Amino acid sequence: MYNSDTFAEKGGNNVQQTTGTTEDTFIQGVRDCIPTLLGYISIGVAFGVVGVASNLHIFEIFLLSVLVYAGSAQFIFCGLYVAGAPMSAIIVTVFIVNLRHFLMSLTIAPHFVRYSALRNIGFGTLLTDETFGVAVTKLATEKRLGGNWMDGLNSTAYIVWIVSCTVGGMLGAFLPDAQQFGLDFALIAMFAALLVLNMQALQKTKIMHYLQVVGIVCICMYGLMYIVPGHVAVLLSTFIGATIGVWRET
């Protein structure tokens, strides 16, 4: 694991934020992650319950959370595992579902070029949908990201997710149906809140640009779903929309 206290810039100076921006500190990253934790906890507990129902041992649930660290992929793993799918099919499916992380990493990678390759691998490895949303919101208001801040954000989310999944596995015997508590809705609510915060920080012209890109993605996805499986259509349409969006901005 990379050290969040190492100096990032030449000369050994810590990144300093300009006036009106938050500090690039590990603690600030932890604080900015706190609003997303309800989503991690609720979905993590729900996955733990589903994992036990799928005949996974608590230690296996723990390992999945540590090594896979992707809610949707972990739920898919359980579904395919229960269905008796071969491990090769499970691995390929999980890989395809997680390809979106490649696109998210590409989005924020230009802001970490001053850091070492090893540390950048750490940033990308622990990046999730939620931490990406927080990072993009910060970019919209402050125009830059710091390594120490990203370490705090990612590490907090990672630890809380692992603990939540493990606790969910322990509670599995007492919560046979996690959906009856509406835990899965917390993730949707969290993404909606991140979207609102991000939109509030954007200029009107930017909002119109993004709405056009969303429209392109929806049209592409609708057409592609008649040709390829749904999860592939989502990836391809996102890639097409992102490419067109970048091209129109340049």
C-alpha atoms as a PDB file:
ATOM      1  CA  MET A   1       0.000   0.000   0.000  1.00  0.00           C
ATOM      2  CA  TYR A   2       1.360   3.385  -0.896  1.00  0.00           C
ATOM      3  CA  ASN A   3       2.151   5.919   1.839  1.00  0.00           C
ATOM      4  CA  SER A   4      -0.234   8.860   1.957  1.00  0.00           C
ATOM      5  CA  ASP A   5       2.331  10.943   3.841  1.00  0.00           C
ATOM      6  CA  THR A   6       4.977  10.869   1.117  1.00  0.00           C
ATOM      7  CA  PHE A   7       5.745  14.118  -0.637  1.00  0.00           C
ATOM      8  CA  ALA A   8       4.261  14.438  -4.068  1.00  0.00           C
ATOM      9  CA  GLU A   9       5.936  17.372  -5.681  1.00  0.00           C
ATOM     10  CA  LYS A  10       9.593  17.978  -6.494  1.00  0.00           C
ATOM     11  CA  GLY A  11      11.535  19.480  -3.650  1.00  0.00           C
ATOM     12  CA  GLY A  12       9.474  17.572  -1.076  1.00  0.00           C
ATOM     13  CA  ASN A  13       6.847  20.265  -0.589  1.00  0.00           C
ATOM     14  CA  ASN A  14       3.289  19.279   0.210  1.00  0.00           C
ATOM     15  CA  VAL A  15       0.619  20.458  -2.166  1.00  0.00           C
ATOM     16  CA  GLN A  16      -0.808  23.749  -0.998  1.00  0.00           C
ATOM     17  CA  GLN A  17      -4.274  24.849  -1.958  1.00  0.00           C
ATOM     18  CA  THR A  18      -5.024  28.378  -3.049  1.00  0.00           C
ATOM     19  CA  THR A  19      -7.319  30.711  -1.161  1.00  0.00           C
ATOM     20  CA  GLY A  20     -10.940  29.580  -1.191  1.00  0.00           C
ATOM     21  CA  THR A  21     -10.138  25.878  -1.614  1.00  0.00           C
ATOM     22  CA  THR A  22     -10.016  23.071   0.924  1.00  0.00           C
ATOM     23  CA  GLU A  23      -6.702  21.733   2.158  1.00  0.00           C
ATOM     24  CA  ASP A  24      -4.975  18.786   0.513  1.00  0.00           C
ATOM     25  CA  THR A  25      -4.852  16.697   3.665  1.00  0.00           C
ATOM     26  CA  PHE A  26      -5.720  13.113   4.505  1.00  0.00           C
ATOM     27  CA  ILE A  27      -8.154  14.272   7.195  1.00  0.00           C
ATOM     28  CA  GLN A  28      -9.979  16.540   4.735  1.00  0.00           C
ATOM     29  CA  GLY A  29     -10.399  13.558   2.407  1.00  0.00           C
ATOM     30  CA  VAL A  30     -11.890  11.570   5.281  1.00  0.00           C
ATOM     31  CA  ARG A  31     -14.311  14.409   6.046  1.00  0.00           C
ATOM     32  CA  ASP A  32     -15.410  14.713   2.425  1.00  0.00           C
ATOM     33  CA  CYS A  33     -16.080  10.975   2.321  1.00  0.00           C
ATOM     34  CA  ILE A  34     -18.419  11.000   5.325  1.00  0.00           C
ATOM     35  CA  PRO A  35     -21.590  12.023   3.368  1.00  0.00           C
ATOM     36  CA  THR A  36     -21.217   8.907   1.189  1.00  0.00           C
ATOM     37  CA  LEU A  37     -20.768   6.435   4.031  1.00  0.00           C
ATOM     38  CA  LEU A  38     -24.484   5.744   4.516  1.00  0.00           C
ATOM     39  CA  GLY A  39     -24.556   4.310   1.007  1.00  0.00           C
ATOM     40  CA  TYR A  40     -21.495   2.159   1.648  1.00  0.00           C
ATOM     41  CA  ILE A  41     -22.834   0.868   4.952  1.00  0.00           C
ATOM     42  CA  SER A  42     -26.335   0.033   3.715  1.00  0.00           C
ATOM     43  CA  ILE A  43     -25.231  -1.656   0.500  1.00  0.00           C
ATOM     44  CA  GLY A  44     -22.330  -3.389   2.252  1.00  0.00           C
ATOM     45  CA  VAL A  45     -24.622  -4.863   4.894  1.00  0.00           C
ATOM     46  CA  ALA A  46     -27.079  -5.903   2.180  1.00  0.00           C
ATOM     47  CA  PHE A  47     -24.279  -7.656   0.284  1.00  0.00           C
ATOM     48  CA  GLY A  48     -23.181  -9.471   3.427  1.00  0.00           C
ATOM     49  CA  VAL A  49     -26.715 -10.770   3.911  1.00  0.00           C
ATOM     50  CA  VAL A  50     -26.938 -11.827   0.254  1.00  0.00           C
ATOM     51  CA  GLY A  51     -23.526 -13.465   0.510  1.00  0.00           C
ATOM     52  CA  VAL A  52     -24.616 -15.638   3.422  1.00  0.00           C
ATOM     53  CA  ALA A  53     -27.818 -16.528   1.553  1.00  0.00           C
ATOM     54  CA  SER A  54     -25.598 -17.564  -1.380  1.00  0.00           C
ATOM     55  CA  ASN A  55     -23.780 -20.040   0.884  1.00  0.00           C
ATOM     56  CA  LEU A  56     -20.620 -17.959   1.156  1.00  0.00           C
ATOM     57  CA  HIS A  57     -18.600 -18.115   4.364  1.00  0.00           C
ATOM     58  CA  ILE A  58     -18.046 -14.865   6.249  1.00  0.00           C
ATOM     59  CA  PHE A  59     -14.330 -15.047   5.445  1.00  0.00           C
ATOM     60  CA  GLU A  60     -15.186 -15.416   1.739  1.00  0.00           C
ATOM     61  CA  ILE A  61     -17.420 -12.351   1.980  1.00  0.00           C
ATOM     62  CA  PHE A  62     -14.516 -10.509   3.599  1.00  0.00           C
ATOM     63  CA  LEU A  63     -12.107 -11.570   0.832  1.00  0.00           C
ATOM     64  CA  LEU A  64     -14.527 -10.523  -1.916  1.00  0.00           C
ATOM     65  CA  SER A  65     -14.842  -7.099  -0.309  1.00  0.00           C
ATOM     66  CA  VAL A  66     -11.066  -6.731  -0.051  1.00  0.00           C
ATOM     67  CA  LEU A  67     -10.109  -8.056  -3.499  1.00  0.00           C
ATOM     68  CA  VAL A  68     -13.076  -7.124  -5.714  1.00  0.00           C
ATOM     69  CA  TYR A  69     -14.257  -3.978  -3.894  1.00  0.00           C
ATOM     70  CA  ALA A  70     -17.189  -3.309  -6.211  1.00  0.00           C
ATOM     71  CA  GLY A  71     -20.760  -3.592  -5.023  1.00  0.00           C
ATOM     72  CA  SER A  72     -22.427  -4.435  -8.328  1.00  0.00           C
ATOM     73  CA  ALA A  73     -19.721  -6.948  -9.243  1.00  0.00           C
ATOM     74  CA  GLN A  74     -19.970  -8.637  -5.854  1.00  0.00           C
ATOM     75  CA  PHE A  75     -23.747  -9.013  -6.159  1.00  0.00           C
ATOM     76  CA  ILE A  76     -23.284 -10.424  -9.667  1.00  0.00           C
ATOM     77  CA  PHE A  77     -20.695 -12.850  -8.316  1.00  0.00           C
ATOM     78  CA  CYS A  78     -23.224 -14.166  -5.795  1.00  0.00           C
ATOM     79  CA  GLY A  79     -25.918 -14.557  -8.447  1.00  0.00           C
ATOM     80  CA  LEU A  80     -23.660 -16.455 -10.824  1.00  0.00           C
ATOM     81  CA  TYR A  81     -22.192 -18.529  -8.002  1.00  0.00           C
ATOM     82  CA  VAL A  82     -25.631 -19.665  -6.855  1.00  0.00           C
ATOM     83  CA  ALA A  83     -26.573 -20.427 -10.477  1.00  0.00           C
ATOM     84  CA  GLY A  84     -23.576 -22.744 -10.732  1.00  0.00           C
ATOM     85  CA  ALA A  85     -21.768 -20.742 -13.417  1.00  0.00           C
ATOM     86  CA  PRO A  86     -18.139 -21.734 -14.109  1.00  0.00           C
ATOM     87  CA  MET A  87     -15.508 -19.589 -12.426  1.00  0.00           C
ATOM     88  CA  SER A  88     -14.173 -18.459 -15.808  1.00  0.00           C
ATOM     89  CA  ALA A  89     -17.586 -17.005 -16.718  1.00  0.00           C
ATOM     90  CA  ILE A  90     -17.837 -15.282 -13.338  1.00  0.00           C
ATOM     91  CA  ILE A  91     -14.393 -13.692 -13.715  1.00  0.00           C
ATOM     92  CA  VAL A  92     -15.090 -12.447 -17.252  1.00  0.00           C
ATOM     93  CA  THR A  93     -18.482 -11.022 -16.264  1.00  0.00           C
ATOM     94  CA  VAL A  94     -17.076  -9.218 -13.228  1.00  0.00           C
ATOM     95  CA  PHE A  95     -14.262  -7.828 -15.376  1.00  0.00           C
ATOM     96  CA  ILE A  96     -16.689  -6.459 -17.976  1.00  0.00           C
ATOM     97  CA  VAL A  97     -18.935  -4.886 -15.343  1.00  0.00           C
ATOM     98  CA  ASN A  98     -15.940  -3.168 -13.741  1.00  0.00           C
ATOM     99  CA  LEU A  99     -14.612  -1.737 -17.003  1.00  0.00           C
ATOM    100  CA  ARG A 100     -16.364   1.516 -16.125  1.00  0.00           C
ATOM    101  CA  HIS A 101     -13.607   2.094 -13.568  1.00  0.00           C
ATOM    102  CA  PHE A 102     -11.200   2.412 -16.488  1.00  0.00           C
ATOM    103  CA  LEU A 103     -13.215   5.354 -17.812  1.00  0.00           C
ATOM    104  CA  MET A 104     -13.466   6.970 -14.391  1.00  0.00           C
ATOM    105  CA  SER A 105      -9.732   6.619 -13.789  1.00  0.00           C
ATOM    106  CA  LEU A 106      -8.981   8.224 -17.149  1.00  0.00           C
ATOM    107  CA  THR A 107     -11.095  11.215 -16.149  1.00  0.00           C
ATOM    108  CA  ILE A 108      -9.139  12.095 -13.022  1.00  0.00           C
ATOM    109  CA  ALA A 109      -5.704  10.745 -14.049  1.00  0.00           C
ATOM    110  CA  PRO A 110      -4.506  14.080 -15.561  1.00  0.00           C
ATOM    111  CA  HIS A 111      -4.762  15.663 -12.112  1.00  0.00           C
ATOM    112  CA  PHE A 112      -2.252  13.214 -10.596  1.00  0.00           C
ATOM    113  CA  VAL A 113       0.556  13.262 -13.166  1.00  0.00           C
ATOM    114  CA  ARG A 114       2.885  14.855 -10.606  1.00  0.00           C
ATOM    115  CA  TYR A 115       2.770  11.698  -8.479  1.00  0.00           C
ATOM    116  CA  SER A 116       4.670   8.439  -8.918  1.00  0.00           C
ATOM    117  CA  ALA A 117       3.311   5.536 -10.967  1.00  0.00           C
ATOM    118  CA  LEU A 118       2.930   3.405  -7.835  1.00  0.00           C
ATOM    119  CA  ARG A 119       0.837   6.029  -6.124  1.00  0.00           C
ATOM    120  CA  ASN A 120      -1.310   6.503  -9.213  1.00  0.00           C
ATOM    121  CA  ILE A 121      -1.978   2.761  -9.217  1.00  0.00           C
ATOM    122  CA  GLY A 122      -3.199   3.171  -5.658  1.00  0.00           C
ATOM    123  CA  PHE A 123      -5.513   6.027  -6.628  1.00  0.00           C
ATOM    124  CA  GLY A 124      -7.022   4.004  -9.468  1.00  0.00           C
ATOM    125  CA  THR A 125      -7.288   0.733  -7.550  1.00  0.00           C
ATOM    126  CA  LEU A 126      -9.364   2.232  -4.741  1.00  0.00           C
ATOM    127  CA  LEU A 127     -11.503   4.470  -6.954  1.00  0.00           C
ATOM    128  CA  THR A 128     -15.226   3.720  -6.819  1.00  0.00           C
ATOM    129  CA  ASP A 129     -18.372   5.260  -8.260  1.00  0.00           C
ATOM    130  CA  GLU A 130     -18.915   7.188  -5.033  1.00  0.00           C
ATOM    131  CA  THR A 131     -15.372   8.485  -4.544  1.00  0.00           C
ATOM    132  CA  PHE A 132     -15.298   9.398  -8.221  1.00  0.00           C
ATOM    133  CA  GLY A 133     -18.476  11.426  -7.714  1.00  0.00           C
ATOM    134  CA  VAL A 134     -16.943  13.260  -4.754  1.00  0.00           C
ATOM    135  CA  ALA A 135     -13.731  13.909  -6.714  1.00  0.00           C
ATOM    136  CA  VAL A 136     -15.602  15.267  -9.740  1.00  0.00           C
ATOM    137  CA  THR A 137     -17.648  17.557  -7.496  1.00  0.00           C
ATOM    138  CA  LYS A 138     -14.430  18.868  -5.945  1.00  0.00           C
ATOM    139  CA  LEU A 139     -12.956  19.403  -9.409  1.00  0.00           C
ATOM    140  CA  ALA A 140     -15.996  21.416 -10.456  1.00  0.00           C
ATOM    141  CA  THR A 141     -15.466  23.861  -7.588  1.00  0.00           C
ATOM    142  CA  GLU A 142     -11.695  23.870  -7.014  1.00  0.00           C
ATOM    143  CA  LYS A 143     -10.253  22.755 -10.379  1.00  0.00           C
ATOM    144  CA  ARG A 144      -7.651  20.477  -8.793  1.00  0.00           C
ATOM    145  CA  LEU A 145      -7.167  17.335  -6.718  1.00  0.00           C
ATOM    146  CA  GLY A 146      -4.476  16.500  -4.183  1.00  0.00           C
ATOM    147  CA  GLY A 147      -2.915  13.144  -3.439  1.00  0.00           C
ATOM    148  CA  ASN A 148      -3.252  13.281   0.347  1.00  0.00           C
ATOM    149  CA  TRP A 149      -6.907  14.249   0.005  1.00  0.00           C
ATOM    150  CA  MET A 150      -7.522  11.379  -2.421  1.00  0.00           C
ATOM    151  CA  ASP A 151      -5.827   8.943  -0.051  1.00  0.00           C
ATOM    152  CA  GLY A 152      -8.132   9.987   2.773  1.00  0.00           C
ATOM    153  CA  LEU A 153     -11.208   9.744   0.567  1.00  0.00           C
ATOM    154  CA  ASN A 154     -10.356   6.335  -0.890  1.00  0.00           C
ATOM    155  CA  SER A 155      -9.060   4.743   2.310  1.00  0.00           C
ATOM    156  CA  THR A 156     -12.133   5.732   4.317  1.00  0.00           C
ATOM    157  CA  ALA A 157     -14.510   4.318   1.727  1.00  0.00           C
ATOM    158  CA  TYR A 158     -12.460   1.118   1.396  1.00  0.00           C
ATOM    159  CA  ILE A 159     -12.330   0.386   5.126  1.00  0.00           C
ATOM    160  CA  VAL A 160     -16.012   1.181   5.708  1.00  0.00           C
ATOM    161  CA  TRP A 161     -17.018  -1.052   2.786  1.00  0.00           C
ATOM    162  CA  ILE A 162     -15.026  -4.026   4.069  1.00  0.00           C
ATOM    163  CA  VAL A 163     -16.360  -3.644   7.604  1.00  0.00           C
ATOM    164  CA  SER A 164     -19.957  -3.214   6.383  1.00  0.00           C
ATOM    165  CA  CYS A 165     -19.846  -6.323   4.193  1.00  0.00           C
ATOM    166  CA  THR A 166     -18.343  -8.385   7.002  1.00  0.00           C
ATOM    167  CA  VAL A 167     -20.897  -7.165   9.539  1.00  0.00           C
ATOM    168  CA  GLY A 168     -23.645  -7.884   7.019  1.00  0.00           C
ATOM    169  CA  GLY A 169     -22.366 -11.437   6.743  1.00  0.00           C
ATOM    170  CA  MET A 170     -22.533 -11.809  10.516  1.00  0.00           C
ATOM    171  CA  LEU A 171     -26.093 -10.466  10.543  1.00  0.00           C
ATOM    172  CA  GLY A 172     -27.137 -12.652   7.624  1.00  0.00           C
ATOM    173  CA  ALA A 173     -28.782 -15.232   9.842  1.00  0.00           C
ATOM    174  CA  PHE A 174     -31.017 -12.559  11.372  1.00  0.00           C
ATOM    175  CA  LEU A 175     -31.792 -10.560   8.192  1.00  0.00           C
ATOM    176  CA  PRO A 176     -32.880 -13.095   5.568  1.00  0.00           C
ATOM    177  CA  ASP A 177     -34.249 -10.372   3.284  1.00  0.00           C
ATOM    178  CA  ALA A 178     -32.291  -7.111   3.400  1.00  0.00           C
ATOM    179  CA  GLN A 179     -34.503  -5.515   0.733  1.00  0.00           C
ATOM    180  CA  GLN A 180     -37.441  -5.312   3.130  1.00  0.00           C
ATOM    181  CA  PHE A 181     -35.567  -2.537   4.948  1.00  0.00           C
ATOM    182  CA  GLY A 182     -34.983  -0.527   1.787  1.00  0.00           C
ATOM    183  CA  LEU A 183     -31.217  -0.575   2.250  1.00  0.00           C
ATOM    184  CA  ASP A 184     -30.616  -0.720  -1.485  1.00  0.00           C
ATOM    185  CA  PHE A 185     -32.254   2.695  -1.999  1.00  0.00           C
ATOM    186  CA  ALA A 186     -29.525   4.460  -0.004  1.00  0.00           C
ATOM    187  CA  LEU A 187     -27.099   4.058  -2.907  1.00  0.00           C
ATOM    188  CA  ILE A 188     -29.539   5.695  -5.342  1.00  0.00           C
ATOM    189  CA  ALA A 189     -30.190   8.554  -2.918  1.00  0.00           C
ATOM    190  CA  MET A 190     -26.468   9.126  -2.444  1.00  0.00           C
ATOM    191  CA  PHE A 191     -25.805   9.314  -6.198  1.00  0.00           C
ATOM    192  CA  ALA A 192     -28.729  11.728  -6.594  1.00  0.00           C
ATOM    193  CA  ALA A 193     -27.229  13.982  -3.905  1.00  0.00           C
ATOM    194  CA  LEU A 194     -23.789  13.892  -5.549  1.00  0.00           C
ATOM    195  CA  LEU A 195     -25.368  14.763  -8.896  1.00  0.00           C
ATOM    196  CA  VAL A 196     -27.217  17.749  -7.432  1.00  0.00           C
ATOM    197  CA  LEU A 197     -24.057  19.070  -5.757  1.00  0.00           C
ATOM    198  CA  ASN A 198     -22.106  18.662  -8.980  1.00  0.00           C
ATOM    199  CA  MET A 199     -24.758  20.403 -11.092  1.00  0.00           C
ATOM    200  CA  GLN A 200     -24.949  23.336  -8.664  1.00  0.00           C
ATOM    201  CA  ALA A 201     -21.234  23.976  -9.123  1.00  0.00           C
ATOM    202  CA  LEU A 202     -21.426  24.055 -12.927  1.00  0.00           C
ATOM    203  CA  GLN A 203     -22.024  26.967 -15.254  1.00  0.00           C
ATOM    204  CA  LYS A 204     -25.211  26.967 -17.323  1.00  0.00           C
ATOM    205  CA  THR A 205     -23.297  26.322 -20.554  1.00  0.00           C
ATOM    206  CA  LYS A 206     -21.594  23.318 -18.973  1.00  0.00           C
ATOM    207  CA  ILE A 207     -24.916  21.930 -17.791  1.00  0.00           C
ATOM    208  CA  MET A 208     -26.348  22.128 -21.309  1.00  0.00           C
ATOM    209  CA  HIS A 209     -23.246  20.427 -22.670  1.00  0.00           C
ATOM    210  CA  TYR A 210     -23.531  17.569 -20.191  1.00  0.00           C
ATOM    211  CA  LEU A 211     -27.253  17.167 -20.845  1.00  0.00           C
ATOM    212  CA  GLN A 212     -26.496  16.802 -24.549  1.00  0.00           C
ATOM    213  CA  VAL A 213     -23.878  14.155 -23.766  1.00  0.00           C
ATOM    214  CA  VAL A 214     -26.378  12.300 -21.573  1.00  0.00           C
ATOM    215  CA  GLY A 215     -28.853  12.397 -24.454  1.00  0.00           C
ATOM    216  CA  ILE A 216     -26.246  10.937 -26.808  1.00  0.00           C
ATOM    217  CA  VAL A 217     -25.481   8.162 -24.323  1.00  0.00           C
ATOM    218  CA  CYS A 218     -29.179   7.297 -23.949  1.00  0.00           C
ATOM    219  CA  ILE A 219     -29.735   7.178 -27.708  1.00  0.00           C
ATOM    220  CA  CYS A 220     -26.643   5.024 -28.252  1.00  0.00           C
ATOM    221  CA  MET A 221     -27.590   2.672 -25.430  1.00  0.00           C
ATOM    222  CA  TYR A 222     -31.135   2.276 -26.755  1.00  0.00           C
ATOM    223  CA  GLY A 223     -29.841   1.311 -30.188  1.00  0.00           C
ATOM    224  CA  LEU A 224     -27.002  -0.901 -28.970  1.00  0.00           C
ATOM    225  CA  MET A 225     -29.251  -2.954 -26.689  1.00  0.00           C
ATOM    226  CA  TYR A 226     -30.783  -4.484 -29.814  1.00  0.00           C
ATOM    227  CA  ILE A 227     -27.333  -5.620 -30.934  1.00  0.00           C
ATOM    228  CA  VAL A 228     -25.310  -6.509 -27.831  1.00  0.00           C
ATOM    229  CA  PRO A 229     -26.076  -7.535 -24.215  1.00  0.00           C
ATOM    230  CA  GLY A 230     -27.243  -4.788 -21.879  1.00  0.00           C
ATOM    231  CA  HIS A 231     -24.049  -4.447 -19.831  1.00  0.00           C
ATOM    232  CA  VAL A 232     -21.965  -4.202 -23.019  1.00  0.00           C
ATOM    233  CA  ALA A 233     -24.365  -1.591 -24.408  1.00  0.00           C
ATOM    234  CA  VAL A 234     -23.889   0.530 -21.275  1.00  0.00           C
ATOM    235  CA  LEU A 235     -20.093   0.427 -21.614  1.00  0.00           C
ATOM    236  CA  LEU A 236     -20.067   1.144 -25.358  1.00  0.00           C
ATOM    237  CA  SER A 237     -22.600   3.967 -25.154  1.00  0.00           C
ATOM    238  CA  THR A 238     -20.703   5.541 -22.254  1.00  0.00           C
ATOM    239  CA  PHE A 239     -17.457   5.367 -24.214  1.00  0.00           C
ATOM    240  CA  ILE A 240     -19.107   6.902 -27.297  1.00  0.00           C
ATOM    241  CA  GLY A 241     -20.757   9.660 -25.268  1.00  0.00           C
ATOM    242  CA  ALA A 242     -17.546  10.480 -23.383  1.00  0.00           C
ATOM    243  CA  THR A 243     -15.551  10.593 -26.621  1.00  0.00           C
ATOM    244  CA  ILE A 244     -18.034  12.949 -28.270  1.00  0.00           C
ATOM    245  CA  GLY A 245     -18.157  15.084 -25.123  1.00  0.00           C
ATOM    246  CA  VAL A 246     -14.375  15.506 -25.021  1.00  0.00           C
ATOM    247  CA  TRP A 247     -14.263  16.220 -28.768  1.00  0.00           C
ATOM    248  CA  ARG A 248     -16.896  18.962 -28.455  1.00  0.00           C
ATOM    249  CA  GLU A 249     -15.056  20.591 -25.547  1.00  0.00           C
ATOM    250  CA  THR A 250     -11.760  20.848 -27.458  1.00  0.00           C
END
